[in-house]
Protein backbone atom coordinates (compact mmCIF):
# COMPACT_ATOMS: atom_id res chain seq x y z
CA MET A 1 5.94 -15.59 8.44
CA LYS A 2 6.35 -12.22 8.23
CA VAL A 3 6.40 -10.50 11.94
CA ARG A 4 7.00 -7.37 13.19
CA SER A 5 7.14 -6.51 16.49
CA ARG A 6 6.98 -2.92 18.56
CA LEU A 7 8.36 -2.12 22.23
CA ALA A 8 5.04 -3.62 24.32
CA THR A 9 4.99 -1.61 26.99
CA ALA A 10 1.93 0.54 28.56
CA ALA A 11 3.70 3.40 27.99
CA VAL A 12 4.26 2.96 24.46
CA ALA A 13 0.60 1.85 23.92
CA ALA A 14 -0.73 4.59 25.70
CA THR A 15 0.47 7.12 22.65
CA VAL A 16 -0.54 4.90 19.79
CA ALA A 17 -3.54 5.85 18.43
CA ALA A 18 -7.28 3.70 17.96
CA ALA A 19 -6.97 1.40 14.81
CA LEU A 20 -10.44 0.94 14.85
CA LEU A 21 -12.02 0.80 11.37
CA TYR A 22 -14.79 3.38 9.39
CA ALA A 23 -13.51 5.84 12.09
CA GLY A 24 -10.93 8.26 10.08
CA THR A 25 -7.88 6.61 12.49
CA ALA A 26 -4.63 6.73 10.93
CA ASN A 27 -1.17 5.41 11.92
CA ALA A 28 -1.76 2.80 13.76
CA ALA A 29 1.32 0.18 14.12
CA THR A 30 1.47 -3.09 12.93
CA LEU A 31 2.13 -5.77 15.05
CA PHE A 32 1.69 -9.06 13.08
CA ASN A 33 1.31 -9.47 9.30
CA ASP A 34 1.38 -13.04 7.76
CA ASP A 35 0.39 -13.45 4.04
CA PHE A 36 2.20 -16.73 3.67
CA ASP A 37 4.05 -15.72 0.57
CA ASP A 38 7.16 -17.99 2.45
CA GLY A 39 5.17 -21.16 1.60
CA ASN A 40 4.68 -22.16 5.44
CA SER A 41 2.47 -21.61 8.40
CA SER A 42 5.49 -20.86 10.94
CA GLY A 43 4.30 -19.09 14.37
CA TRP A 44 0.64 -20.69 13.72
CA THR A 45 -0.30 -23.59 16.12
CA THR A 46 -3.08 -25.76 14.67
CA SER A 47 -6.05 -27.75 16.57
CA GLY A 48 -8.19 -29.98 14.79
CA GLY A 49 -8.97 -29.77 10.78
CA THR A 50 -6.04 -30.35 7.94
CA TRP A 51 -4.04 -27.00 7.44
CA SER A 52 -1.32 -26.88 4.91
CA VAL A 53 -0.52 -23.47 2.92
CA THR A 54 -1.03 -23.91 -1.03
CA THR A 55 -2.19 -21.68 -3.53
CA ASP A 56 -5.32 -19.97 -4.51
CA GLY A 57 -4.09 -17.44 -6.84
CA THR A 58 -1.24 -16.57 -4.40
CA PRO A 59 -0.64 -18.51 -0.92
CA VAL A 60 -3.10 -19.19 1.55
CA LEU A 61 -3.45 -20.93 4.97
CA ARG A 62 -5.85 -23.75 3.86
CA GLN A 63 -8.34 -26.30 6.24
CA THR A 64 -9.62 -28.59 4.31
CA GLY A 65 -11.44 -30.96 7.32
CA THR A 66 -15.17 -30.80 7.37
CA SER A 67 -15.94 -32.94 10.64
CA SER A 68 -15.21 -31.11 13.24
CA ASP A 69 -13.73 -27.84 14.26
CA ALA A 70 -10.50 -26.41 13.68
CA ARG A 71 -8.23 -23.49 14.94
CA ALA A 72 -4.96 -22.28 14.05
CA ARG A 73 -3.61 -19.22 16.55
CA ALA A 74 -0.81 -16.87 16.63
CA GLY A 75 0.82 -14.07 18.17
CA SER A 76 1.23 -12.50 21.74
CA THR A 77 -0.72 -13.84 24.79
CA ALA A 78 -0.26 -10.59 25.79
CA TRP A 79 -1.81 -8.63 22.87
CA ALA A 80 -4.49 -6.66 24.86
CA ASN A 81 -6.25 -3.51 22.15
CA TYR A 82 -5.65 -4.52 18.44
CA THR A 83 -7.52 -4.88 15.11
CA VAL A 84 -6.75 -8.32 13.51
CA THR A 85 -7.94 -8.59 9.72
CA ALA A 86 -8.20 -11.43 7.56
CA ARG A 87 -9.00 -12.46 3.52
CA VAL A 88 -11.41 -15.81 4.05
CA LYS A 89 -13.35 -17.76 1.72
CA LEU A 90 -15.52 -21.03 2.46
CA THR A 91 -14.41 -23.79 0.11
CA ALA A 92 -16.72 -26.66 1.39
CA VAL A 93 -19.51 -26.93 4.05
CA ASN A 94 -20.96 -30.66 5.60
CA GLY A 95 -24.36 -29.54 6.76
CA SER A 96 -25.98 -26.36 7.24
CA ASN A 97 -25.76 -22.80 9.04
CA ARG A 98 -21.38 -23.53 9.24
CA PHE A 99 -18.85 -20.80 9.39
CA ALA A 100 -15.45 -19.66 9.10
CA ALA A 101 -13.90 -17.34 11.66
CA LEU A 102 -11.42 -14.94 13.14
CA LEU A 103 -10.15 -14.92 16.77
CA ALA A 104 -8.94 -12.07 19.15
CA ARG A 105 -7.90 -12.53 22.57
CA ALA A 106 -7.87 -16.14 22.52
CA GLN A 107 -6.45 -17.42 25.46
CA SER A 108 -6.90 -21.21 24.38
CA ASN A 109 -8.69 -23.42 21.38
CA THR A 110 -11.94 -23.19 24.02
CA SER A 111 -11.75 -19.63 24.92
CA TYR A 112 -11.63 -16.57 22.64
CA TYR A 113 -13.82 -13.93 21.08
CA TYR A 114 -14.49 -14.40 17.41
CA LEU A 115 -16.61 -13.56 14.38
CA ALA A 116 -18.47 -16.17 12.23
CA LEU A 117 -19.14 -15.92 8.50
CA ARG A 118 -21.90 -18.20 8.46
CA THR A 119 -23.30 -19.91 5.82
CA ASN A 120 -26.90 -19.16 6.99
CA HIS A 121 -25.65 -15.34 5.66
CA THR A 122 -24.97 -13.76 8.78
CA VAL A 123 -21.80 -12.71 10.74
CA GLU A 124 -21.55 -13.05 14.40
CA LEU A 125 -20.05 -11.37 17.24
CA LYS A 126 -19.28 -14.43 19.67
CA LYS A 127 -17.32 -15.43 22.45
CA LEU A 128 -16.23 -18.91 23.59
CA VAL A 129 -15.76 -19.70 27.35
CA GLY A 130 -14.49 -23.11 27.95
CA GLY A 131 -16.26 -24.55 24.63
CA SER A 132 -19.31 -22.58 25.88
CA SER A 133 -20.43 -19.98 22.95
CA THR A 134 -22.03 -16.62 23.85
CA THR A 135 -23.57 -14.78 20.89
CA LEU A 136 -22.97 -11.17 21.77
CA ALA A 137 -24.57 -9.40 18.13
CA SER A 138 -24.96 -10.22 15.04
CA ALA A 139 -26.34 -8.98 10.93
CA ALA A 140 -27.20 -9.98 7.87
CA VAL A 141 -24.64 -10.83 5.39
CA THR A 142 -24.62 -12.43 2.03
CA VAL A 143 -22.53 -15.43 2.50
CA THR A 144 -21.30 -17.19 -1.29
CA THR A 145 -19.26 -20.38 -1.22
CA GLY A 146 -16.06 -19.74 -2.95
CA SER A 147 -15.54 -16.22 -2.80
CA TRP A 148 -13.43 -13.86 -0.69
CA TYR A 149 -14.36 -11.72 2.30
CA THR A 150 -12.41 -9.72 4.49
CA LEU A 151 -12.97 -9.89 7.83
CA SER A 152 -12.25 -7.78 10.83
CA LEU A 153 -12.77 -7.51 14.38
CA THR A 154 -11.52 -4.74 16.50
CA VAL A 155 -11.16 -5.58 20.84
CA SER A 156 -10.15 -2.38 22.41
CA GLY A 157 -10.54 -2.33 26.41
CA THR A 158 -14.45 -3.83 26.55
CA SER A 159 -15.67 -2.87 22.98
CA LEU A 160 -15.70 -5.20 20.52
CA GLN A 161 -16.00 -4.70 16.97
CA GLY A 162 -16.57 -6.74 13.59
CA SER A 163 -17.30 -6.28 10.06
CA VAL A 164 -17.59 -7.83 6.68
CA ASN A 165 -15.73 -6.14 3.18
CA GLY A 166 -16.11 -2.83 5.29
CA GLY A 167 -19.33 -2.91 5.69
CA ALA A 168 -21.92 -5.40 7.95
CA SER A 169 -20.64 -4.65 11.39
CA VAL A 170 -21.75 -5.73 14.56
CA SER A 171 -20.51 -4.65 18.16
CA ALA A 172 -20.62 -5.45 21.88
CA THR A 173 -19.35 -4.65 25.38
CA ASP A 174 -17.77 -7.53 27.37
CA ALA A 175 -15.22 -7.78 29.86
CA GLN A 176 -14.63 -11.70 29.43
CA PHE A 177 -11.16 -11.58 27.93
CA ALA A 178 -8.51 -8.45 28.38
CA THR A 179 -5.82 -10.03 26.20
CA GLY A 180 -4.86 -12.88 23.89
CA GLN A 181 -3.84 -14.38 20.52
CA ILE A 182 -5.43 -14.05 16.90
CA GLY A 183 -6.68 -17.06 14.88
CA VAL A 184 -8.29 -18.45 12.41
CA ALA A 185 -10.77 -21.27 13.33
CA THR A 186 -13.67 -23.16 11.16
CA TYR A 187 -16.89 -25.24 12.05
CA ASN A 188 -17.83 -28.36 9.96
CA ALA A 189 -16.41 -26.33 6.84
CA ALA A 190 -13.09 -25.96 4.46
CA ALA A 191 -11.78 -22.09 4.46
CA ASN A 192 -8.92 -20.50 2.44
CA PHE A 193 -7.64 -17.59 4.63
CA ASP A 194 -4.82 -15.15 3.40
CA ASP A 195 -3.44 -11.66 4.81
CA VAL A 196 -3.63 -11.94 8.01
CA LEU A 197 -2.86 -8.41 9.87
CA VAL A 198 -2.91 -7.45 13.13
CA ALA A 199 -2.74 -3.89 14.05
CA ASP A 200 -2.66 -1.83 16.96
CA ALA A 201 -5.09 0.05 18.71
CA GLY A 202 -4.31 1.98 21.22
CA GLY A 203 -7.80 2.69 22.65
CA PRO A 204 -11.59 2.78 22.33
CA SER A 205 -12.42 6.68 21.41
CA PRO A 206 -11.32 7.37 17.82
CA SER A 207 -11.28 11.05 16.36
CA PRO A 208 -13.91 11.81 14.38
CA SER A 209 -13.76 11.64 10.51
CA ALA A 210 -13.37 14.24 8.07
CA SER A 211 -16.66 16.51 7.22
CA SER A 212 -17.93 15.49 3.74
CA GLY A 213 -18.55 18.58 2.54
CA PRO A 214 -17.00 21.29 0.46
CA SER A 215 -15.44 23.82 2.17
CA ALA A 216 -13.95 27.69 0.14
CA SER A 217 -11.21 27.73 3.34
CA PRO A 218 -8.59 25.36 4.01
CA ARG A 219 -9.73 22.51 6.21
CA PRO A 220 -7.38 20.18 7.84
CA SER A 221 -8.07 16.64 7.89
CA SER A 222 -9.32 15.91 11.29
CA SER A 223 -7.61 12.50 11.54
CA PRO A 224 -4.83 12.29 14.80
CA SER A 225 -1.08 13.28 14.39
CA VAL A 226 0.15 11.29 17.17
CA SER A 227 2.55 8.45 16.14
CA PRO A 228 3.80 5.82 17.37
CA SER A 229 7.26 5.13 18.26
CA PRO A 230 8.60 3.47 14.45
CA SER A 231 9.70 -0.13 14.74
CA PRO A 232 13.05 -0.39 12.48
CA SER A 233 12.89 -2.17 9.07
CA PRO A 234 14.74 -5.27 8.45
CA SER A 235 17.33 -3.04 7.26
CA GLY A 236 17.89 -0.55 9.91
CA PRO A 237 16.94 2.43 8.61
CA PRO A 238 18.96 5.94 9.39
CA PRO A 239 18.18 7.66 11.92
CA ASN A 240 17.42 11.11 9.80
CA PRO A 241 16.23 11.96 6.43
CA PRO A 242 18.54 11.77 3.14
CA GLY A 243 19.99 15.33 2.48
CA PRO A 244 19.00 17.40 -0.37
CA GLY A 245 19.90 15.57 -3.80
CA GLN A 246 19.46 12.07 -2.10
CA PRO A 247 17.04 9.32 -2.91
CA ASP A 248 14.68 9.07 0.33
CA GLY A 249 11.54 7.05 0.79
CA PHE A 250 11.18 3.22 -0.60
CA ALA A 251 14.23 4.44 -2.78
CA THR A 252 16.42 3.92 0.18
CA VAL A 253 14.80 0.34 1.47
CA ALA A 254 17.21 -2.64 1.25
CA GLY A 255 15.92 -5.69 -0.87
CA TYR A 256 16.94 -8.12 -3.85
CA GLY A 257 19.97 -7.81 -3.03
CA GLN A 258 20.67 -3.83 -3.13
CA ALA A 259 20.90 -1.73 -0.41
CA THR A 260 19.34 1.57 -1.70
CA THR A 261 19.65 3.59 -4.92
CA THR A 262 22.29 4.90 -6.52
CA GLY A 263 21.64 4.84 -10.59
CA GLY A 264 25.06 5.23 -12.10
CA ALA A 265 27.67 6.22 -9.08
CA GLY A 266 30.83 4.85 -9.60
CA GLY A 267 30.67 4.61 -13.63
CA PRO A 268 31.61 7.30 -16.35
CA THR A 269 29.69 10.13 -16.69
CA VAL A 270 28.57 11.17 -20.60
CA THR A 271 26.49 13.67 -22.23
CA VAL A 272 24.77 13.22 -25.13
CA ASP A 273 22.35 15.63 -27.60
CA THR A 274 21.16 13.41 -30.14
CA THR A 275 18.59 10.44 -30.14
CA GLU A 276 20.95 7.84 -31.44
CA GLU A 277 23.70 8.62 -28.59
CA PHE A 278 20.91 8.75 -25.77
CA LEU A 279 19.74 5.27 -27.07
CA ASP A 280 23.32 3.71 -27.14
CA TYR A 281 23.88 4.47 -23.70
CA ILE A 282 20.60 4.16 -22.00
CA ALA A 283 20.92 0.43 -23.38
CA ARG A 284 24.68 0.16 -22.17
CA THR A 285 25.71 -2.74 -19.45
CA GLY A 286 27.20 -1.73 -16.08
CA PRO A 287 26.96 2.10 -14.40
CA TYR A 288 26.30 5.51 -16.68
CA THR A 289 25.59 8.98 -15.86
CA ILE A 290 23.74 10.08 -19.23
CA GLN A 291 23.38 13.74 -18.81
CA VAL A 292 20.74 15.07 -21.71
CA SER A 293 21.78 18.02 -23.06
CA GLY A 294 19.01 19.89 -25.70
CA THR A 295 16.06 18.20 -26.85
CA ILE A 296 15.94 14.41 -28.29
CA THR A 297 13.45 12.69 -30.22
CA LEU A 298 12.90 9.52 -29.21
CA PRO A 299 11.22 7.57 -32.44
CA THR A 300 8.31 5.53 -32.42
CA GLY A 301 9.93 2.54 -34.04
CA THR A 302 8.68 -1.27 -33.42
CA SER A 303 7.78 -0.56 -29.97
CA ASP A 304 5.31 2.28 -29.79
CA GLY A 305 8.12 4.69 -29.09
CA MET A 306 9.42 2.41 -25.64
CA HIS A 307 12.94 2.49 -24.64
CA ASN A 308 14.73 0.30 -22.28
CA VAL A 309 16.53 1.56 -19.85
CA THR A 310 18.98 -1.46 -18.32
CA SER A 311 20.08 -1.72 -14.67
CA ASP A 312 22.51 1.00 -12.99
CA LYS A 313 21.88 3.74 -14.92
CA THR A 314 21.40 7.92 -14.23
CA ILE A 315 19.67 10.25 -16.27
CA VAL A 316 19.68 13.50 -15.74
CA GLY A 317 18.84 16.41 -17.81
CA LEU A 318 21.19 19.94 -17.99
CA GLY A 319 19.24 22.98 -16.65
CA SER A 320 16.11 23.12 -17.50
CA THR A 321 15.98 22.96 -21.17
CA ALA A 322 16.48 19.09 -21.75
CA ARG A 323 13.58 17.53 -23.20
CA LEU A 324 12.40 13.93 -24.35
CA VAL A 325 9.90 14.20 -27.18
CA GLY A 326 7.66 11.66 -29.05
CA GLY A 327 8.46 8.57 -27.37
CA GLY A 328 8.90 7.30 -23.34
CA LEU A 329 11.10 5.36 -21.49
CA ASN A 330 10.64 1.89 -20.52
CA ILE A 331 12.35 0.40 -17.27
CA GLY A 332 11.89 -3.19 -17.12
CA LEU A 333 12.37 -6.60 -18.84
CA PRO A 334 9.68 -8.09 -21.07
CA ILE A 335 6.24 -8.71 -19.94
CA SER A 336 5.78 -12.60 -19.21
CA ASP A 337 2.28 -13.25 -16.91
CA ALA A 338 4.64 -17.07 -16.08
CA VAL A 339 6.95 -15.02 -14.36
CA THR A 340 5.56 -14.73 -10.67
CA SER A 341 8.75 -13.67 -8.71
CA PRO A 342 11.27 -11.69 -8.77
CA PRO A 343 14.04 -13.00 -11.57
CA ALA A 344 18.04 -12.53 -11.03
CA ASN A 345 18.34 -10.54 -13.53
CA ALA A 346 15.30 -8.15 -12.82
CA VAL A 347 16.48 -4.27 -14.24
CA HIS A 348 16.99 -2.01 -11.18
CA ASN A 349 18.75 0.85 -9.61
CA VAL A 350 18.16 3.42 -12.13
CA ILE A 351 17.26 7.12 -10.90
CA ILE A 352 15.79 9.37 -13.80
CA ARG A 353 16.09 13.17 -13.05
CA ASN A 354 15.65 17.05 -14.10
CA LEU A 355 13.88 15.90 -17.33
CA SER A 356 10.70 17.15 -19.40
CA ILE A 357 8.92 14.29 -20.95
CA SER A 358 6.20 15.03 -23.49
CA GLY A 359 4.36 13.83 -26.16
CA ALA A 360 4.52 10.24 -26.05
CA SER A 361 2.32 7.79 -27.84
CA ASP A 362 2.10 5.09 -25.08
CA ASP A 363 3.45 5.64 -21.35
CA LEU A 364 6.24 8.50 -20.81
CA ILE A 365 8.14 6.32 -17.76
CA ASN A 366 7.04 2.77 -17.28
CA VAL A 367 8.48 0.40 -14.80
CA GLN A 368 7.37 -3.38 -14.98
CA MET A 369 8.64 -6.79 -14.08
CA PHE A 370 9.71 -7.02 -10.77
CA SER A 371 12.25 -3.48 -11.45
CA HIS A 372 13.38 -2.42 -8.34
CA HIS A 373 15.39 0.84 -6.25
CA ILE A 374 14.20 3.61 -9.01
CA TRP A 375 14.27 7.28 -8.39
CA ILE A 376 11.83 9.45 -10.36
CA ASP A 377 12.89 13.04 -9.15
CA HIS A 378 12.64 16.67 -10.48
CA ASN A 379 10.72 15.97 -13.76
CA ASP A 380 8.28 17.61 -16.18
CA LEU A 381 5.62 15.13 -17.02
CA SER A 382 3.04 15.68 -19.77
CA ASP A 383 0.98 14.48 -22.75
CA GLY A 384 1.46 11.30 -22.69
CA GLY A 385 -0.66 8.57 -24.76
CA ASP A 386 -1.51 6.70 -21.83
CA GLY A 387 0.45 6.66 -18.67
CA ALA A 388 2.39 9.80 -17.28
CA LEU A 389 4.20 7.33 -14.93
CA ASP A 390 3.20 3.69 -14.40
CA ILE A 391 3.98 1.14 -12.65
CA LYS A 392 3.34 -2.63 -12.49
CA ARG A 393 4.04 -6.41 -12.76
CA GLY A 394 5.90 -6.57 -9.45
CA SER A 395 7.95 -3.76 -9.50
CA ASP A 396 9.31 -2.52 -5.70
CA LEU A 397 11.16 -0.15 -3.66
CA LEU A 398 10.49 3.29 -5.60
CA THR A 399 10.67 6.94 -4.87
CA VAL A 400 8.47 9.80 -6.89
CA SER A 401 9.39 13.02 -5.65
CA TRP A 402 9.41 16.58 -6.62
CA ASN A 403 7.58 15.94 -10.30
CA ARG A 404 4.81 18.25 -12.19
CA PHE A 405 2.51 16.13 -13.54
CA HIS A 406 -0.09 18.10 -16.02
CA ASP A 407 -1.84 17.99 -19.27
CA HIS A 408 -2.53 14.79 -18.59
CA ASP A 409 -5.67 12.26 -18.08
CA LYS A 410 -4.23 9.16 -16.57
CA THR A 411 -1.68 10.13 -14.57
CA THR A 412 0.40 7.75 -12.37
CA LEU A 413 -0.92 3.22 -12.16
CA VAL A 414 0.60 1.30 -9.30
CA GLY A 415 -0.86 -1.95 -10.64
CA HIS A 416 -2.59 -2.57 -13.60
CA ASP A 417 -4.96 -5.08 -13.26
CA ASP A 418 -7.68 -6.70 -10.58
CA ALA A 419 -6.75 -10.21 -12.04
CA ASN A 420 -2.41 -9.57 -11.79
CA GLY A 421 -1.83 -10.27 -7.95
CA ALA A 422 0.10 -13.15 -8.30
CA GLN A 423 3.11 -10.44 -9.44
CA ASP A 424 2.30 -7.85 -7.23
CA THR A 425 0.63 -8.63 -4.10
CA GLY A 426 3.31 -7.80 -1.37
CA ARG A 427 5.55 -5.58 -3.39
CA LEU A 428 4.40 -2.06 -5.54
CA ARG A 429 5.88 -0.13 -2.40
CA VAL A 430 6.56 3.05 -3.50
CA THR A 431 6.39 6.71 -1.94
CA TYR A 432 5.16 9.69 -3.34
CA HIS A 433 5.91 13.00 -2.17
CA HIS A 434 6.28 16.39 -3.16
CA ASN A 435 4.86 16.00 -6.06
CA PHE A 436 2.33 18.49 -8.15
CA PHE A 437 -0.82 17.03 -9.44
CA ASP A 438 -1.38 20.48 -11.53
CA ARG A 439 -4.86 19.49 -13.05
CA SER A 440 -4.00 16.19 -13.99
CA ASP A 441 -7.28 14.34 -14.32
CA GLN A 442 -7.57 11.30 -12.38
CA ARG A 443 -5.07 8.15 -10.71
CA ASN A 444 -2.38 10.37 -8.89
CA PRO A 445 -2.06 7.32 -8.17
CA ARG A 446 -4.54 4.95 -8.37
CA VAL A 447 -3.03 1.65 -6.35
CA ARG A 448 -4.20 -2.32 -6.30
CA PHE A 449 -2.39 -5.15 -4.36
CA SER A 450 0.59 -2.66 -2.86
CA PRO A 451 0.76 -3.52 1.08
CA LEU A 452 1.81 0.06 1.38
CA VAL A 453 2.18 3.54 -0.66
CA HIS A 454 2.90 6.33 1.19
CA VAL A 455 1.41 9.64 -0.06
CA TYR A 456 2.23 13.00 1.59
CA ASN A 457 3.05 16.56 0.99
CA ASN A 458 1.80 16.76 -2.22
CA TYR A 459 -0.28 19.29 -4.18
CA TYR A 460 -3.33 18.53 -5.70
CA PHE A 461 -5.20 20.83 -8.35
CA ASP A 462 -8.50 20.64 -9.89
CA ASN A 463 -8.28 17.13 -10.21
CA SER A 464 -11.42 15.10 -10.70
CA TYR A 465 -9.87 12.40 -8.34
CA GLY A 466 -6.65 12.18 -6.22
CA ILE A 467 -6.10 8.63 -4.74
CA ALA A 468 -7.43 5.28 -5.04
CA SER A 469 -6.85 2.41 -3.57
CA THR A 470 -8.50 -0.57 -4.31
CA ASN A 471 -7.60 -4.41 -3.69
CA GLU A 472 -6.93 -4.30 -0.66
CA SER A 473 -3.71 -1.56 -0.82
CA GLY A 474 -2.33 0.25 2.27
CA LEU A 475 -2.31 4.32 1.48
CA PHE A 476 -0.91 6.27 4.60
CA VAL A 477 -1.66 9.55 3.02
CA GLU A 478 -0.73 12.66 5.30
CA GLY A 479 0.12 16.24 4.88
CA ASN A 480 -0.98 16.73 1.54
CA TYR A 481 -3.41 19.83 0.29
CA PHE A 482 -5.93 19.08 -2.32
CA TYR A 483 -7.67 21.94 -3.86
CA SER A 484 -10.60 21.78 -6.05
CA VAL A 485 -10.47 17.87 -6.20
CA ASN A 486 -13.64 16.49 -6.23
CA ASN A 487 -12.70 13.29 -5.14
CA PRO A 488 -9.81 13.62 -2.91
CA GLY A 489 -9.48 9.82 -1.92
CA ARG A 490 -11.11 6.74 -2.52
CA VAL A 491 -11.34 3.34 -1.10
CA GLU A 492 -14.44 2.40 -2.83
CA PHE A 493 -13.74 2.37 -6.46
CA SER A 494 -13.43 -0.33 -9.45
CA GLY A 495 -13.03 -3.44 -8.39
CA PRO A 496 -12.38 -4.42 -4.66
CA LEU A 497 -12.04 -1.92 -1.59
CA GLY A 498 -8.59 -1.11 -0.83
CA ARG A 499 -7.45 0.33 2.77
CA MET A 500 -6.70 3.90 3.56
CA VAL A 501 -5.32 6.01 6.69
CA GLU A 502 -4.93 9.87 6.44
CA ARG A 503 -3.62 12.47 8.51
CA ASN A 504 -3.12 16.27 8.65
CA ASN A 505 -4.53 16.68 5.07
CA ILE A 506 -6.02 20.33 3.99
CA LEU A 507 -8.77 19.98 1.70
CA VAL A 508 -10.21 23.21 0.06
CA GLU A 509 -13.56 23.74 -2.44
CA CYS A 510 -13.16 19.96 -2.25
CA ASN A 511 -16.72 17.88 -2.62
CA HIS A 512 -15.93 14.87 -0.89
CA PRO A 513 -13.63 13.77 2.12
CA ILE A 514 -10.99 11.24 2.15
CA GLU A 515 -12.25 8.02 2.75
CA VAL A 516 -10.99 5.91 5.27
CA ARG A 517 -10.96 1.90 5.99
CA GLY A 518 -8.74 -0.61 7.84
CA THR A 519 -5.27 0.12 8.54
CA VAL A 520 -2.05 0.26 7.27
CA THR A 521 1.89 0.22 8.16
CA ASP A 522 3.18 3.36 9.40
CA PRO A 523 6.15 4.05 6.74
CA ALA A 524 8.41 5.04 9.81
CA THR A 525 8.48 1.70 10.08
CA TYR A 526 10.70 1.22 6.87
CA TYR A 527 12.39 4.53 6.26
CA PRO A 528 12.87 8.17 8.09
CA TYR A 529 10.70 11.00 6.56
CA THR A 530 9.88 14.52 7.51
CA VAL A 531 6.31 16.06 6.91
CA ASP A 532 6.11 19.39 5.84
CA ASP A 533 3.12 21.48 7.12
CA PRO A 534 0.50 20.92 4.59
CA ALA A 535 -0.62 25.03 5.11
CA THR A 536 3.19 25.60 3.20
CA VAL A 537 2.21 22.63 0.47
CA PRO A 538 0.68 25.26 -2.07
CA ALA A 539 4.29 27.44 -1.98
CA ILE A 540 6.80 25.00 -1.48
CA VAL A 541 5.88 22.79 -4.02
CA PRO A 542 5.24 24.62 -7.07
CA ALA A 543 8.14 26.56 -6.37
CA GLY A 544 10.12 23.53 -6.33
CA ALA A 545 9.18 20.87 -8.12
CA GLY A 546 9.83 20.02 -11.70
CA VAL A 547 12.82 20.36 -14.14
CA GLY A 548 15.23 23.42 -13.26
CA LYS A 549 15.77 22.91 -9.34
CA ILE A 550 18.00 20.44 -8.35
């Protein structure tokens, strides 16, 4: 079980913005998060049925009994205002009008609020008091056994609101229960449950969402800028952001036996100006700082022009004229669908800075197969055959900062396939900041499965769309400037819906608002950072992004 605690005092709770769904809210503090990837259900108390953690693509909490009621509860009895979200799949039923449910403010196994997904094609918002149920609201929804549904239930003061897949919504007012645990339940049905998330909701009055019309003048987004007091990450982040020239964001978060990203520090520094030298040093074992001088042409060969970079490397261009042309860099082991957890020899601790990379027949930079602690900074990336920067297959803890992307279509992908949850779920955590997406058409980025991608202070200029979140990815989008972007941020896109919160973004001559859905963990939970005034982004980002500026 993964639990993230916060200072549960009234003073702190009063400072947290409301976490109600579909209302343009941002920055909800995570109280609890369990994806069962640890293989157990520690922290859950069950009653009735037969419960276990098993696999349905990824680990899930499964209840297999169909002859009675069954419940599992978790969390604090003192939790008051929050949103609980979970994925739910009915797998078998005994009779008609059966259900699987999400519980909130549970007092016991016989008293709680619940959102029931019923086989008679309804979703019901109900309360159970001493074992006696009352329907508070209901709505029609198609329910199919064997299909996943995302249920969300918000309790804030006396206001109750539930939804299914971000669509069918039910709401009511009731004062029966003021606090209580969360849970899941079944009634004469078997079901799987996954990705249980509880986010704090500070009160019942969310701010309005952004206007959907285009604007000819700068228009800041209207989501609140109030931040909760962040809980420290397990690694204990430093109190201040790193200084200039140092990695920041997710690349500095400890994990997989690596404290932070240092690249080739501690090893020799070499300068290369030929293809042979470059390919030799990037493939060597051990730490190296490899300084690139002038233009190096990468051959296509038998690898479609992709050349492997091994662990503990810093590759940095000298001046403003260092270039790699004709090929790309691959950071990661060979692809294997059979590998679903990080191997001990995963490529890690790589820094790529101050390089112009163009003209590859495949990707310009590709990160794959559980590679971690990667920093891509102050590069100029253009004219690749596929992605400019693709991050996939379980890679994790990356920062992409101060790069210029241009003359490219499918820019940066995080998660490559809707069917790759076994490798990707819970990983693919990336920070994007101060990048210049200069007419880079789409995928800036396009994200699947990641629990958190942090996108801040980027400049979007003349793109068909900016950001897309799918497959329940969590996108935290703040302080960006979007100019002439048709769809700045999307959660309704190809594939399953994603999650996105946004605050303090500026949209100019954009045709649609940033779409929001669900709750996302505040990045300050993991690392310290400072957001620049988004109004300054069109000046500072083009001036600072790209090569020759470190």
